[in-house]
C-alpha atoms as a PDB file:
ATOM      1  CA  UNK A   1       0.000   0.000   0.000  1.00  0.00           C
ATOM      2  CA  UNK A   2       1.068   3.551  -0.735  1.00  0.00           C
ATOM      3  CA  UNK A   3       0.077   6.587   1.347  1.00  0.00           C
ATOM      4  CA  UNK A   4      -1.518   9.377  -0.703  1.00  0.00           C
ATOM      5  CA  UNK A   5      -2.083  13.006   0.221  1.00  0.00           C
ATOM      6  CA  UNK A   6      -2.588  15.516  -2.584  1.00  0.00           C
ATOM      7  CA  UNK A   7      -5.092  17.865  -4.208  1.00  0.00           C
ATOM      8  CA  UNK A   8      -7.228  16.700  -7.137  1.00  0.00           C
ATOM      9  CA  UNK A   9     -10.427  17.670  -8.882  1.00  0.00           C
ATOM     10  CA  UNK A  10     -13.685  15.881  -8.164  1.00  0.00           C
ATOM     11  CA  UNK A  11     -14.263  14.848 -11.794  1.00  0.00           C
ATOM     12  CA  UNK A  12     -10.988  12.930 -11.856  1.00  0.00           C
ATOM     13  CA  UNK A  13     -11.910  11.101  -8.656  1.00  0.00           C
ATOM     14  CA  UNK A  14     -15.393  10.376 -10.081  1.00  0.00           C
ATOM     15  CA  UNK A  15     -13.744   8.766 -13.143  1.00  0.00           C
ATOM     16  CA  UNK A  16     -11.558   6.717 -10.781  1.00  0.00           C
ATOM     17  CA  UNK A  17     -14.656   5.478  -8.892  1.00  0.00           C
ATOM     18  CA  UNK A  18     -16.342   4.487 -12.143  1.00  0.00           C
ATOM     19  CA  UNK A  19     -13.227   2.749 -13.536  1.00  0.00           C
ATOM     20  CA  UNK A  20     -12.773   0.858 -10.261  1.00  0.00           C
ATOM     21  CA  UNK A  21     -16.354  -0.293  -9.733  1.00  0.00           C
ATOM     22  CA  UNK A  22     -18.829  -0.071 -12.611  1.00  0.00           C
ATOM     23  CA  UNK A  23     -17.140   0.818 -15.924  1.00  0.00           C
ATOM     24  CA  UNK A  24     -18.589  -2.225 -17.705  1.00  0.00           C
ATOM     25  CA  UNK A  25     -22.239  -1.498 -16.888  1.00  0.00           C
ATOM     26  CA  UNK A  26     -22.712   2.231 -16.166  1.00  0.00           C
ATOM     27  CA  UNK A  27     -25.294   3.754 -18.536  1.00  0.00           C
ATOM     28  CA  UNK A  28     -23.649   6.073 -21.079  1.00  0.00           C
ATOM     29  CA  UNK A  29     -25.789   9.047 -20.011  1.00  0.00           C
ATOM     30  CA  UNK A  30     -24.596   8.616 -16.403  1.00  0.00           C
ATOM     31  CA  UNK A  31     -20.988   8.360 -17.567  1.00  0.00           C
ATOM     32  CA  UNK A  32     -21.230  11.759 -19.302  1.00  0.00           C
ATOM     33  CA  UNK A  33     -23.052  13.516 -16.422  1.00  0.00           C
ATOM     34  CA  UNK A  34     -20.559  15.023 -13.912  1.00  0.00           C
ATOM     35  CA  UNK A  35     -23.228  15.016 -11.176  1.00  0.00           C
ATOM     36  CA  UNK A  36     -23.837  11.232 -11.296  1.00  0.00           C
ATOM     37  CA  UNK A  37     -21.753   9.126  -8.904  1.00  0.00           C
ATOM     38  CA  UNK A  38     -21.724   5.437  -7.954  1.00  0.00           C
ATOM     39  CA  UNK A  39     -22.535   4.555  -4.345  1.00  0.00           C
ATOM     40  CA  UNK A  40     -22.147   1.165  -2.728  1.00  0.00           C
ATOM     41  CA  UNK A  41     -22.434  -0.301   0.730  1.00  0.00           C
ATOM     42  CA  UNK A  42     -21.558  -3.639   2.235  1.00  0.00           C
ATOM     43  CA  UNK A  43     -18.665  -5.912   3.141  1.00  0.00           C
ATOM     44  CA  UNK A  44     -17.337  -6.110  -0.421  1.00  0.00           C
ATOM     45  CA  UNK A  45     -16.148  -2.511  -0.743  1.00  0.00           C
ATOM     46  CA  UNK A  46     -18.047   0.726  -0.295  1.00  0.00           C
ATOM     47  CA  UNK A  47     -18.481   4.202  -1.724  1.00  0.00           C
ATOM     48  CA  UNK A  48     -20.229   6.949   0.195  1.00  0.00           C
ATOM     49  CA  UNK A  49     -20.974  10.359  -1.320  1.00  0.00           C
ATOM     50  CA  UNK A  50     -21.495  13.137   1.226  1.00  0.00           C
ATOM     51  CA  UNK A  51     -23.407  15.946  -0.472  1.00  0.00           C
ATOM     52  CA  UNK A  52     -25.748  18.831   0.298  1.00  0.00           C
ATOM     53  CA  UNK A  53     -28.252  17.498  -2.278  1.00  0.00           C
ATOM     54  CA  UNK A  54     -28.344  13.822  -3.300  1.00  0.00           C
ATOM     55  CA  UNK A  55     -31.024  11.811  -5.115  1.00  0.00           C
ATOM     56  CA  UNK A  56     -30.949   8.074  -5.913  1.00  0.00           C
ATOM     57  CA  UNK A  57     -31.359   7.444  -9.643  1.00  0.00           C
ATOM     58  CA  UNK A  58     -31.066   3.713 -10.316  1.00  0.00           C
ATOM     59  CA  UNK A  59     -29.613   0.568  -8.775  1.00  0.00           C
ATOM     60  CA  UNK A  60     -27.671  -1.738 -11.078  1.00  0.00           C
ATOM     61  CA  UNK A  61     -26.087  -4.836  -9.533  1.00  0.00           C
ATOM     62  CA  UNK A  62     -24.597  -3.676  -6.213  1.00  0.00           C
ATOM     63  CA  UNK A  63     -24.156  -0.024  -7.281  1.00  0.00           C
ATOM     64  CA  UNK A  64     -26.704   2.732  -6.675  1.00  0.00           C
ATOM     65  CA  UNK A  65     -26.214   5.665  -9.021  1.00  0.00           C
ATOM     66  CA  UNK A  66     -26.923   9.012  -7.376  1.00  0.00           C
ATOM     67  CA  UNK A  67     -27.237  12.552  -8.667  1.00  0.00           C
ATOM     68  CA  UNK A  68     -25.240  14.640  -6.203  1.00  0.00           C
ATOM     69  CA  UNK A  69     -24.694  18.395  -5.987  1.00  0.00           C
ATOM     70  CA  UNK A  70     -22.418  20.394  -3.701  1.00  0.00           C
ATOM     71  CA  UNK A  71     -20.294  17.411  -2.750  1.00  0.00           C
ATOM     72  CA  UNK A  72     -18.498  17.752   0.569  1.00  0.00           C
ATOM     73  CA  UNK A  73     -16.679  14.434   0.574  1.00  0.00           C
ATOM     74  CA  UNK A  74     -16.329  10.944  -0.853  1.00  0.00           C
ATOM     75  CA  UNK A  75     -15.211   7.839   1.051  1.00  0.00           C
ATOM     76  CA  UNK A  76     -14.036   4.823  -0.970  1.00  0.00           C
ATOM     77  CA  UNK A  77     -12.988   1.357   0.210  1.00  0.00           C
ATOM     78  CA  UNK A  78     -12.013  -1.213  -2.419  1.00  0.00           C
ATOM     79  CA  UNK A  79     -13.549  -4.676  -2.611  1.00  0.00           C
ATOM     80  CA  UNK A  80     -10.303  -6.208  -1.293  1.00  0.00           C
ATOM     81  CA  UNK A  81     -10.039  -3.629   1.481  1.00  0.00           C
ATOM     82  CA  UNK A  82      -6.491  -2.765   0.358  1.00  0.00           C
ATOM     83  CA  UNK A  83      -7.454   0.744  -0.808  1.00  0.00           C
ATOM     84  CA  UNK A  84      -9.083   3.286   1.487  1.00  0.00           C
ATOM     85  CA  UNK A  85      -9.370   6.805   0.083  1.00  0.00           C
ATOM     86  CA  UNK A  86     -11.136   9.974   1.180  1.00  0.00           C
ATOM     87  CA  UNK A  87     -11.745  13.038  -0.956  1.00  0.00           C
ATOM     88  CA  UNK A  88     -12.672  16.197   0.998  1.00  0.00           C
ATOM     89  CA  UNK A  89     -13.814  19.412  -0.657  1.00  0.00           C
ATOM     90  CA  UNK A  90     -11.481  22.373  -0.236  1.00  0.00           C
ATOM     91  CA  UNK A  91     -12.777  24.839  -2.802  1.00  0.00           C
ATOM     92  CA  UNK A  92     -15.526  24.145  -5.314  1.00  0.00           C
ATOM     93  CA  UNK A  93     -14.775  20.947  -7.191  1.00  0.00           C
ATOM     94  CA  UNK A  94     -11.189  20.697  -5.904  1.00  0.00           C
ATOM     95  CA  UNK A  95     -10.349  18.754  -2.801  1.00  0.00           C
ATOM     96  CA  UNK A  96      -7.754  16.798  -0.870  1.00  0.00           C
ATOM     97  CA  UNK A  97      -7.358  13.085  -1.583  1.00  0.00           C
ATOM     98  CA  UNK A  98      -5.879  11.108   1.314  1.00  0.00           C
ATOM     99  CA  UNK A  99      -5.521   7.475   2.300  1.00  0.00           C
ATOM    100  CA  UNK A 100      -3.862   4.241   1.252  1.00  0.00           C
ATOM    101  CA  UNK A 101      -3.903   2.843  -2.282  1.00  0.00           C
ATOM    102  CA  UNK A 102      -2.890  -0.508  -3.741  1.00  0.00           C
ATOM    103  CA  UNK A 103      -0.835  -0.763  -6.934  1.00  0.00           C
ATOM    104  CA  UNK A 104      -4.044  -1.581  -8.837  1.00  0.00           C
ATOM    105  CA  UNK A 105      -5.745   1.557  -7.501  1.00  0.00           C
ATOM    106  CA  UNK A 106      -2.717   3.641  -8.486  1.00  0.00           C
ATOM    107  CA  UNK A 107      -3.137   2.372 -12.052  1.00  0.00           C
ATOM    108  CA  UNK A 108      -6.848   3.251 -11.937  1.00  0.00           C
ATOM    109  CA  UNK A 109      -6.006   6.733 -10.601  1.00  0.00           C
ATOM    110  CA  UNK A 110      -3.616   7.130 -13.518  1.00  0.00           C
ATOM    111  CA  UNK A 111      -6.229   5.951 -16.036  1.00  0.00           C
ATOM    112  CA  UNK A 112      -8.634   8.530 -14.593  1.00  0.00           C
ATOM    113  CA  UNK A 113      -5.908  11.198 -15.039  1.00  0.00           C
ATOM    114  CA  UNK A 114      -5.822  11.955 -11.305  1.00  0.00           C
ATOM    115  CA  UNK A 115      -2.096  11.153 -11.248  1.00  0.00           C
ATOM    116  CA  UNK A 116       0.378  10.645 -14.086  1.00  0.00           C
ATOM    117  CA  UNK A 117       2.013   7.324 -15.009  1.00  0.00           C
ATOM    118  CA  UNK A 118       5.305   8.869 -13.823  1.00  0.00           C
ATOM    119  CA  UNK A 119       3.691   9.551 -10.429  1.00  0.00           C
ATOM    120  CA  UNK A 120       2.670   5.879 -10.219  1.00  0.00           C
ATOM    121  CA  UNK A 121       6.238   4.742 -10.901  1.00  0.00           C
ATOM    122  CA  UNK A 122       7.626   7.218  -8.355  1.00  0.00           C
ATOM    123  CA  UNK A 123       5.138   6.149  -5.668  1.00  0.00           C
ATOM    124  CA  UNK A 124       5.809   2.455  -6.263  1.00  0.00           C
ATOM    125  CA  UNK A 125       9.556   3.146  -6.302  1.00  0.00           C
ATOM    126  CA  UNK A 126       9.295   4.846  -2.904  1.00  0.00           C
ATOM    127  CA  UNK A 127       7.372   1.850  -1.602  1.00  0.00           C
ATOM    128  CA  UNK A 128      10.142  -0.512  -2.794  1.00  0.00           C
ATOM    129  CA  UNK A 129      12.782   1.568  -1.004  1.00  0.00           C
ATOM    130  CA  UNK A 130      10.810   1.319   2.235  1.00  0.00           C
ATOM    131  CA  UNK A 131      11.155  -2.467   2.211  1.00  0.00           C
ATOM    132  CA  UNK A 132       7.842  -3.361   0.578  1.00  0.00           C
ATOM    133  CA  UNK A 133       7.708  -6.117  -2.006  1.00  0.00           C
ATOM    134  CA  UNK A 134       8.030  -4.996  -5.607  1.00  0.00           C
ATOM    135  CA  UNK A 135       4.726  -4.881  -7.500  1.00  0.00           C
ATOM    136  CA  UNK A 136       3.855  -7.973  -9.583  1.00  0.00           C
ATOM    137  CA  UNK A 137       3.934  -7.758 -13.365  1.00  0.00           C
ATOM    138  CA  UNK A 138       1.104  -8.985 -15.636  1.00  0.00           C
ATOM    139  CA  UNK A 139       2.113 -12.641 -15.131  1.00  0.00           C
ATOM    140  CA  UNK A 140       2.062 -12.294 -11.355  1.00  0.00           C
ATOM    141  CA  UNK A 141       5.833 -12.509 -10.924  1.00  0.00           C
ATOM    142  CA  UNK A 142       7.593 -10.016  -8.706  1.00  0.00           C
ATOM    143  CA  UNK A 143       9.534  -7.509 -10.795  1.00  0.00           C
ATOM    144  CA  UNK A 144      12.789  -8.525  -9.056  1.00  0.00           C
ATOM    145  CA  UNK A 145      12.314 -12.157 -10.237  1.00  0.00           C
ATOM    146  CA  UNK A 146      12.366 -11.213 -13.909  1.00  0.00           C
ATOM    147  CA  UNK A 147      15.740 -11.691 -15.606  1.00  0.00           C
ATOM    148  CA  UNK A 148      17.132  -8.485 -17.083  1.00  0.00           C
END
């Protein structure tokens, strides 16, 4: 796990939530609407949207899509429990993202353009220097086990 603490915009974090939880089945109109967010509760991961005005739109599988305005915060816990992130509003649609993220969540944050691919490499590099295991590659082997 990697500790995160930086400023990001809400739309980027919304894209991260969608990529991480419901990309394959979110209705296209919800995907394009910046006020529609996924919410989820239960043992297998959760997303909570704290907003001044929030209305449930539709439940698909284990995700409830909500229309939310004036968002104060978002709390996300991955299905595995390895990622726990909180976004707190600071000014308008910009806020502070804090918490712990797995290597997979770092990739999803990069895909959502919250952080750059270079940031992912730097964060994982820092983790390796702190004595953590190197991240696995696509075949599941640790990077240090791959012959150069």
